[in-house]
C-alpha atoms as a PDB file:
ATOM      1  CA  UNK A   1      14.330 -38.435 -31.902  1.00  0.00           C
ATOM      2  CA  UNK A   2      13.573 -34.933 -30.650  1.00  0.00           C
ATOM      3  CA  UNK A   3      13.335 -32.179 -33.117  1.00  0.00           C
ATOM      4  CA  UNK A   4      16.314 -30.238 -31.631  1.00  0.00           C
ATOM      5  CA  UNK A   5      18.479 -33.308 -31.844  1.00  0.00           C
ATOM      6  CA  UNK A   6      17.628 -33.686 -35.543  1.00  0.00           C
ATOM      7  CA  UNK A   7      18.485 -30.069 -36.220  1.00  0.00           C
ATOM      8  CA  UNK A   8      21.828 -30.294 -34.429  1.00  0.00           C
ATOM      9  CA  UNK A   9      22.620 -33.557 -36.381  1.00  0.00           C
ATOM     10  CA  UNK A  10      21.636 -32.144 -39.730  1.00  0.00           C
ATOM     11  CA  UNK A  11      23.638 -29.054 -39.019  1.00  0.00           C
ATOM     12  CA  UNK A  12      26.806 -30.821 -37.936  1.00  0.00           C
ATOM     13  CA  UNK A  13      26.631 -33.208 -40.959  1.00  0.00           C
ATOM     14  CA  UNK A  14      25.921 -30.245 -43.264  1.00  0.00           C
ATOM     15  CA  UNK A  15      29.068 -28.443 -41.945  1.00  0.00           C
ATOM     16  CA  UNK A  16      31.142 -31.562 -42.573  1.00  0.00           C
ATOM     17  CA  UNK A  17      29.681 -32.205 -46.040  1.00  0.00           C
ATOM     18  CA  UNK A  18      30.032 -28.578 -47.158  1.00  0.00           C
ATOM     19  CA  UNK A  19      33.627 -28.387 -45.842  1.00  0.00           C
ATOM     20  CA  UNK A  20      34.545 -31.738 -47.499  1.00  0.00           C
ATOM     21  CA  UNK A  21      32.966 -30.509 -50.762  1.00  0.00           C
ATOM     22  CA  UNK A  22      34.931 -27.381 -50.553  1.00  0.00           C
ATOM     23  CA  UNK A  23      38.103 -29.157 -49.863  1.00  0.00           C
ATOM     24  CA  UNK A  24      37.439 -31.449 -52.685  1.00  0.00           C
ATOM     25  CA  UNK A  25      36.667 -28.619 -55.015  1.00  0.00           C
ATOM     26  CA  UNK A  26      39.909 -26.868 -53.983  1.00  0.00           C
ATOM     27  CA  UNK A  27      41.893 -29.953 -54.579  1.00  0.00           C
ATOM     28  CA  UNK A  28      40.456 -30.191 -58.028  1.00  0.00           C
ATOM     29  CA  UNK A  29      41.212 -26.706 -58.909  1.00  0.00           C
ATOM     30  CA  UNK A  30      37.616 -25.751 -58.374  1.00  0.00           C
ATOM     31  CA  UNK A  31      36.127 -22.825 -56.540  1.00  0.00           C
ATOM     32  CA  UNK A  32      37.544 -22.683 -53.065  1.00  0.00           C
ATOM     33  CA  UNK A  33      39.736 -20.650 -50.908  1.00  0.00           C
ATOM     34  CA  UNK A  34      42.681 -23.039 -50.665  1.00  0.00           C
ATOM     35  CA  UNK A  35      45.129 -24.000 -53.338  1.00  0.00           C
ATOM     36  CA  UNK A  36      44.314 -25.853 -56.452  1.00  0.00           C
ATOM     37  CA  UNK A  37      46.344 -28.633 -58.066  1.00  0.00           C
ATOM     38  CA  UNK A  38      48.294 -26.098 -60.061  1.00  0.00           C
ATOM     39  CA  UNK A  39      49.443 -24.277 -56.979  1.00  0.00           C
ATOM     40  CA  UNK A  40      47.622 -21.170 -57.654  1.00  0.00           C
ATOM     41  CA  UNK A  41      45.491 -19.610 -54.938  1.00  0.00           C
ATOM     42  CA  UNK A  42      41.881 -20.061 -55.254  1.00  0.00           C
ATOM     43  CA  UNK A  43      40.215 -16.760 -55.434  1.00  0.00           C
ATOM     44  CA  UNK A  44      43.128 -15.374 -57.426  1.00  0.00           C
ATOM     45  CA  UNK A  45      41.234 -16.292 -60.432  1.00  0.00           C
ATOM     46  CA  UNK A  46      38.158 -14.407 -59.179  1.00  0.00           C
ATOM     47  CA  UNK A  47      40.359 -11.388 -58.229  1.00  0.00           C
ATOM     48  CA  UNK A  48      41.812 -11.305 -61.926  1.00  0.00           C
ATOM     49  CA  UNK A  49      38.410 -11.682 -63.411  1.00  0.00           C
ATOM     50  CA  UNK A  50      36.830  -9.005 -61.356  1.00  0.00           C
ATOM     51  CA  UNK A  51      39.806  -6.688 -61.882  1.00  0.00           C
ATOM     52  CA  UNK A  52      39.397  -7.164 -65.689  1.00  0.00           C
ATOM     53  CA  UNK A  53      35.652  -6.730 -65.741  1.00  0.00           C
ATOM     54  CA  UNK A  54      35.570  -3.803 -63.400  1.00  0.00           C
ATOM     55  CA  UNK A  55      38.782  -2.159 -64.587  1.00  0.00           C
ATOM     56  CA  UNK A  56      40.148  -2.111 -60.924  1.00  0.00           C
ATOM     57  CA  UNK A  57      43.254  -0.209 -60.047  1.00  0.00           C
ATOM     58  CA  UNK A  58      46.310  -2.071 -58.558  1.00  0.00           C
ATOM     59  CA  UNK A  59      45.367  -0.677 -55.127  1.00  0.00           C
ATOM     60  CA  UNK A  60      41.728  -1.879 -55.415  1.00  0.00           C
ATOM     61  CA  UNK A  61      42.877  -5.229 -56.669  1.00  0.00           C
ATOM     62  CA  UNK A  62      45.228  -5.564 -53.552  1.00  0.00           C
ATOM     63  CA  UNK A  63      42.271  -4.638 -51.297  1.00  0.00           C
ATOM     64  CA  UNK A  64      40.094  -7.255 -53.037  1.00  0.00           C
ATOM     65  CA  UNK A  65      42.909  -9.848 -52.712  1.00  0.00           C
ATOM     66  CA  UNK A  66      43.038  -9.028 -48.969  1.00  0.00           C
ATOM     67  CA  UNK A  67      39.347  -9.851 -48.686  1.00  0.00           C
ATOM     68  CA  UNK A  68      39.951 -13.204 -50.117  1.00  0.00           C
ATOM     69  CA  UNK A  69      43.126 -13.673 -47.945  1.00  0.00           C
ATOM     70  CA  UNK A  70      41.028 -13.082 -44.726  1.00  0.00           C
ATOM     71  CA  UNK A  71      38.330 -15.497 -46.023  1.00  0.00           C
ATOM     72  CA  UNK A  72      40.892 -18.097 -46.642  1.00  0.00           C
ATOM     73  CA  UNK A  73      42.267 -17.786 -43.188  1.00  0.00           C
ATOM     74  CA  UNK A  74      38.792 -18.083 -41.774  1.00  0.00           C
ATOM     75  CA  UNK A  75      38.205 -21.307 -43.817  1.00  0.00           C
ATOM     76  CA  UNK A  76      41.492 -22.839 -42.666  1.00  0.00           C
ATOM     77  CA  UNK A  77      40.399 -22.212 -39.046  1.00  0.00           C
ATOM     78  CA  UNK A  78      36.973 -23.471 -39.431  1.00  0.00           C
ATOM     79  CA  UNK A  79      38.185 -26.585 -41.318  1.00  0.00           C
ATOM     80  CA  UNK A  80      41.003 -27.403 -38.778  1.00  0.00           C
ATOM     81  CA  UNK A  81      40.661 -30.716 -37.126  1.00  0.00           C
ATOM     82  CA  UNK A  82      37.987 -31.856 -39.723  1.00  0.00           C
ATOM     83  CA  UNK A  83      38.930 -35.521 -39.539  1.00  0.00           C
ATOM     84  CA  UNK A  84      38.680 -35.474 -35.632  1.00  0.00           C
ATOM     85  CA  UNK A  85      35.459 -33.525 -35.832  1.00  0.00           C
ATOM     86  CA  UNK A  86      33.804 -36.036 -38.225  1.00  0.00           C
ATOM     87  CA  UNK A  87      34.970 -39.017 -36.027  1.00  0.00           C
ATOM     88  CA  UNK A  88      33.436 -37.193 -33.079  1.00  0.00           C
ATOM     89  CA  UNK A  89      30.158 -36.759 -34.927  1.00  0.00           C
ATOM     90  CA  UNK A  90      30.209 -40.529 -35.805  1.00  0.00           C
ATOM     91  CA  UNK A  91      30.703 -41.401 -32.079  1.00  0.00           C
ATOM     92  CA  UNK A  92      27.855 -39.152 -31.118  1.00  0.00           C
ATOM     93  CA  UNK A  93      25.596 -40.895 -33.594  1.00  0.00           C
ATOM     94  CA  UNK A  94      26.686 -44.357 -32.382  1.00  0.00           C
ATOM     95  CA  UNK A  95      25.811 -43.532 -28.801  1.00  0.00           C
ATOM     96  CA  UNK A  96      22.508 -44.857 -27.478  1.00  0.00           C
ATOM     97  CA  UNK A  97      21.572 -41.165 -26.671  1.00  0.00           C
ATOM     98  CA  UNK A  98      23.038 -38.244 -28.410  1.00  0.00           C
ATOM     99  CA  UNK A  99      25.016 -35.937 -26.165  1.00  0.00           C
ATOM    100  CA  UNK A 100      23.402 -32.743 -27.151  1.00  0.00           C
ATOM    101  CA  UNK A 101      25.715 -30.722 -24.917  1.00  0.00           C
ATOM    102  CA  UNK A 102      28.696 -32.094 -26.820  1.00  0.00           C
ATOM    103  CA  UNK A 103      27.015 -31.639 -30.194  1.00  0.00           C
ATOM    104  CA  UNK A 104      26.201 -28.036 -29.387  1.00  0.00           C
ATOM    105  CA  UNK A 105      29.772 -27.382 -28.137  1.00  0.00           C
ATOM    106  CA  UNK A 106      31.132 -28.744 -31.525  1.00  0.00           C
ATOM    107  CA  UNK A 107      28.716 -26.455 -33.290  1.00  0.00           C
ATOM    108  CA  UNK A 108      29.503 -23.442 -31.096  1.00  0.00           C
ATOM    109  CA  UNK A 109      33.339 -24.074 -31.630  1.00  0.00           C
ATOM    110  CA  UNK A 110      32.900 -23.559 -35.436  1.00  0.00           C
ATOM    111  CA  UNK A 111      30.580 -20.623 -34.955  1.00  0.00           C
ATOM    112  CA  UNK A 112      33.145 -19.001 -32.675  1.00  0.00           C
ATOM    113  CA  UNK A 113      35.857 -19.515 -35.321  1.00  0.00           C
ATOM    114  CA  UNK A 114      33.718 -17.573 -37.790  1.00  0.00           C
ATOM    115  CA  UNK A 115      32.890 -14.942 -35.423  1.00  0.00           C
ATOM    116  CA  UNK A 116      36.580 -14.503 -34.632  1.00  0.00           C
ATOM    117  CA  UNK A 117      37.349 -13.709 -38.179  1.00  0.00           C
ATOM    118  CA  UNK A 118      34.396 -11.543 -38.846  1.00  0.00           C
ATOM    119  CA  UNK A 119      35.867  -8.166 -37.868  1.00  0.00           C
ATOM    120  CA  UNK A 120      38.836  -8.690 -40.160  1.00  0.00           C
ATOM    121  CA  UNK A 121      36.693  -9.828 -43.051  1.00  0.00           C
ATOM    122  CA  UNK A 122      34.179  -6.916 -42.660  1.00  0.00           C
ATOM    123  CA  UNK A 123      37.127  -4.469 -42.399  1.00  0.00           C
ATOM    124  CA  UNK A 124      38.793  -5.808 -45.483  1.00  0.00           C
ATOM    125  CA  UNK A 125      35.418  -5.710 -47.347  1.00  0.00           C
ATOM    126  CA  UNK A 126      34.828  -2.103 -46.260  1.00  0.00           C
ATOM    127  CA  UNK A 127      38.289  -1.077 -47.303  1.00  0.00           C
ATOM    128  CA  UNK A 128      37.723  -2.505 -50.761  1.00  0.00           C
ATOM    129  CA  UNK A 129      34.155  -1.225 -51.039  1.00  0.00           C
ATOM    130  CA  UNK A 130      35.092   2.282 -49.932  1.00  0.00           C
ATOM    131  CA  UNK A 131      37.716   2.271 -52.603  1.00  0.00           C
ATOM    132  CA  UNK A 132      35.212   1.773 -55.437  1.00  0.00           C
ATOM    133  CA  UNK A 133      33.756   4.279 -57.748  1.00  0.00           C
ATOM    134  CA  UNK A 134      29.945   4.332 -57.931  1.00  0.00           C
ATOM    135  CA  UNK A 135      29.897   2.692 -61.300  1.00  0.00           C
ATOM    136  CA  UNK A 136      32.175  -0.127 -59.953  1.00  0.00           C
ATOM    137  CA  UNK A 137      29.716  -0.674 -57.060  1.00  0.00           C
ATOM    138  CA  UNK A 138      26.983  -0.841 -59.574  1.00  0.00           C
ATOM    139  CA  UNK A 139      28.942  -3.520 -61.515  1.00  0.00           C
ATOM    140  CA  UNK A 140      29.278  -5.626 -58.290  1.00  0.00           C
ATOM    141  CA  UNK A 141      25.672  -5.497 -57.585  1.00  0.00           C
ATOM    142  CA  UNK A 142      24.903  -6.538 -61.143  1.00  0.00           C
ATOM    143  CA  UNK A 143      27.368  -9.462 -61.003  1.00  0.00           C
ATOM    144  CA  UNK A 144      25.842 -10.611 -57.718  1.00  0.00           C
ATOM    145  CA  UNK A 145      22.279 -10.331 -59.057  1.00  0.00           C
ATOM    146  CA  UNK A 146      23.202 -12.465 -62.039  1.00  0.00           C
ATOM    147  CA  UNK A 147      24.970 -15.069 -59.916  1.00  0.00           C
ATOM    148  CA  UNK A 148      22.046 -15.360 -57.524  1.00  0.00           C
ATOM    149  CA  UNK A 149      19.444 -15.171 -60.220  1.00  0.00           C
ATOM    150  CA  UNK A 150      21.307 -18.037 -61.999  1.00  0.00           C
ATOM    151  CA  UNK A 151      20.914 -20.082 -58.835  1.00  0.00           C
ATOM    152  CA  UNK A 152      17.325 -18.989 -58.401  1.00  0.00           C
ATOM    153  CA  UNK A 153      17.894 -17.176 -55.051  1.00  0.00           C
ATOM    154  CA  UNK A 154      17.788 -13.483 -55.783  1.00  0.00           C
ATOM    155  CA  UNK A 155      14.285 -12.622 -56.659  1.00  0.00           C
ATOM    156  CA  UNK A 156      12.418  -9.487 -55.893  1.00  0.00           C
ATOM    157  CA  UNK A 157       9.476  -9.900 -53.544  1.00  0.00           C
ATOM    158  CA  UNK A 158       7.180  -8.964 -56.437  1.00  0.00           C
ATOM    159  CA  UNK A 159       8.394 -11.991 -58.315  1.00  0.00           C
ATOM    160  CA  UNK A 160       7.060 -14.424 -55.721  1.00  0.00           C
END
């Protein structure tokens, strides 16, 4: 199998697996952008937690909630037709020769859905970020560093 074919297959399968895992987590009340079994919006917990930790004003909390709303909408659009897409991936894999054009079209459709939402997400993030005080921005940076350090992904180049 050609290297580009393997990359496309792994990418398509990864999108399906990640999407499925996110949907499963959301259905179990886990970390997602959908609704949990209790009916509460996922991300709402994160907004409340960040609001408490950072002492956000009501306006700032609304702006942060707007960021999550935009991300939820993007996720819905990206995950749309998930079952049909997985069936299409299976049919591509079952074929004697992988139709690379069709595989790339599927990949590009998902990428286009993400790109379509990027301006709204960036605008919402900017509106929230611009409303923060310098000490609140520092708190976000520290939270991000802690989260990524916990996962082993945020290391300074000097640590390598």
